[in-house]
Amino acid sequence: MLTPTHSFFDTLIYFGLSYFDIIKFRYFDLIALYSASLIDLDHLFSKPIFDSKRNPFKAHFLHKNWKTIIFFSMLTIFFYRPLAFLGVGLLSHLLLDFIYIKRHHL
C-alpha cells in the first residue's frame, strides 16, 4: 500500500482514540505512529523501488520478519507506554500491507 494510505490510517487511529478520550493528546504519540512507516525503507534496496505486483512479505527484508515485528509490537503496546503507538503503527502497517496483498495478489 502507498505511504499516504498508511499515514491517513494512522491519523484516523490516533484521532479516533483521542476523540473517544481513550488517550490524551501528545505529539510524541503521533510521531511514533508516523515513524512506524519507516519499515518501508527496505523498499530502497529493491529494484525497482516500487512494484505493485511484488509481495512485500516475501521480497523485503524488514517485512519478511513479520512474526517478530508483531511480537515486539504487542510487547510495546502492553508494557511500555511511550512506545505503544510505535507498536500500533507497525501493526496497522502490516495489516494494511496484508489487505493490499489479499486484494491484488491471487
Protein backbone atom coordinates (compact mmCIF):
# COMPACT_ATOMS: atom_id res chain seq x y z
CA MET A 1 0.00 0.00 0.00
CA LEU A 2 1.20 3.53 -0.58
CA THR A 3 2.62 5.68 2.20
CA PRO A 4 -0.22 8.27 2.12
CA THR A 5 -2.68 5.45 2.83
CA HIS A 6 -0.63 4.34 5.84
CA SER A 7 -0.37 7.92 7.11
CA PHE A 8 -4.10 8.53 6.68
CA PHE A 9 -4.97 5.30 8.50
CA ASP A 10 -2.57 6.13 11.35
CA THR A 11 -4.09 9.59 11.66
CA LEU A 12 -7.58 8.07 11.83
CA ILE A 13 -6.45 5.69 14.58
CA TYR A 14 -4.86 8.45 16.60
CA PHE A 15 -7.67 10.98 16.38
CA GLY A 16 -10.25 8.24 16.86
CA LEU A 17 -8.61 7.29 20.16
CA SER A 18 -8.32 10.97 21.10
CA TYR A 19 -11.95 11.67 20.22
CA PHE A 20 -13.29 8.94 22.49
CA ASP A 21 -11.00 10.10 25.35
CA ILE A 22 -9.10 6.82 25.40
CA ILE A 23 -5.81 8.72 25.28
CA LYS A 24 -4.58 12.24 25.95
CA PHE A 25 -3.24 14.18 23.02
CA ARG A 26 0.57 14.13 22.85
CA TYR A 27 2.68 14.96 19.83
CA PHE A 28 5.18 12.21 20.64
CA ASP A 29 2.45 9.60 20.17
CA LEU A 30 1.62 10.93 16.74
CA ILE A 31 5.30 11.00 15.78
CA ALA A 32 5.66 7.39 16.94
CA LEU A 33 2.69 6.38 14.79
CA TYR A 34 4.15 8.05 11.73
CA SER A 35 7.63 6.66 12.38
CA ALA A 36 6.25 3.14 12.02
CA SER A 37 6.18 3.83 8.28
CA LEU A 38 9.98 3.75 8.32
CA ILE A 39 9.64 -0.01 7.94
CA ASP A 40 9.19 0.78 4.25
CA LEU A 41 12.82 1.85 3.94
CA ASP A 42 13.57 -1.71 2.88
CA HIS A 43 11.93 -0.86 -0.46
CA LEU A 44 15.01 1.24 -1.29
CA PHE A 45 17.08 -1.95 -1.54
CA SER A 46 14.84 -3.43 -4.24
CA LYS A 47 14.95 -3.00 -7.98
CA PRO A 48 12.61 -1.35 -8.94
CA ILE A 49 11.91 0.54 -5.74
CA PHE A 50 8.13 0.23 -6.18
CA ASP A 51 6.48 -2.67 -7.94
CA SER A 52 2.74 -3.02 -7.47
CA LYS A 53 2.83 -6.77 -8.14
CA ARG A 54 5.57 -7.54 -5.59
CA ASN A 55 4.64 -9.18 -2.30
CA PRO A 56 6.39 -7.16 0.44
CA PHE A 57 6.27 -10.08 2.88
CA LYS A 58 8.41 -12.15 0.51
CA ALA A 59 10.61 -9.52 -1.12
CA HIS A 60 11.61 -7.01 1.58
CA PHE A 61 13.86 -7.97 4.47
CA LEU A 62 12.05 -5.92 7.14
CA HIS A 63 8.67 -7.25 6.08
CA LYS A 64 9.90 -10.87 5.95
CA ASN A 65 10.23 -10.85 9.74
CA TRP A 66 6.57 -10.02 10.22
CA LYS A 67 6.09 -12.53 13.06
CA THR A 68 8.90 -10.93 15.06
CA ILE A 69 7.56 -7.44 14.35
CA ILE A 70 4.10 -8.44 15.56
CA PHE A 71 5.55 -9.97 18.72
CA PHE A 72 7.60 -6.90 19.65
CA SER A 73 4.75 -4.58 18.70
CA MET A 74 2.48 -6.40 21.13
CA LEU A 75 5.16 -6.10 23.82
CA THR A 76 5.43 -2.34 23.33
CA ILE A 77 1.65 -1.92 23.37
CA PHE A 78 1.15 -3.76 26.65
CA PHE A 79 4.30 -2.97 28.61
CA TYR A 80 5.91 0.31 27.56
CA ARG A 81 3.59 3.29 27.22
CA PRO A 82 5.86 5.77 25.40
CA LEU A 83 6.41 3.35 22.51
CA ALA A 84 2.91 1.92 22.45
CA PHE A 85 2.00 3.94 19.39
CA LEU A 86 5.04 2.68 17.53
CA GLY A 87 3.66 -0.82 18.09
CA VAL A 88 0.19 0.25 16.98
CA GLY A 89 1.67 1.86 13.89
CA LEU A 90 3.65 -1.25 12.98
CA LEU A 91 0.61 -3.47 13.45
CA SER A 92 -1.56 -1.19 11.32
CA HIS A 93 1.17 -1.04 8.68
CA LEU A 94 1.40 -4.81 8.44
CA LEU A 95 -2.39 -5.10 8.43
CA LEU A 96 -2.70 -2.66 5.53
CA ASP A 97 0.04 -4.47 3.61
CA PHE A 98 -1.75 -7.78 4.22
CA ILE A 99 -5.04 -6.33 2.96
CA TYR A 100 -3.25 -4.97 -0.10
CA ILE A 101 -1.78 -8.38 -0.90
CA LYS A 102 -5.11 -10.14 -0.48
CA ARG A 103 -6.79 -7.64 -2.80
CA HIS A 104 -4.15 -7.57 -5.54
CA HIS A 105 -2.46 -10.97 -5.48
CA LEU A 106 -4.18 -14.21 -6.33
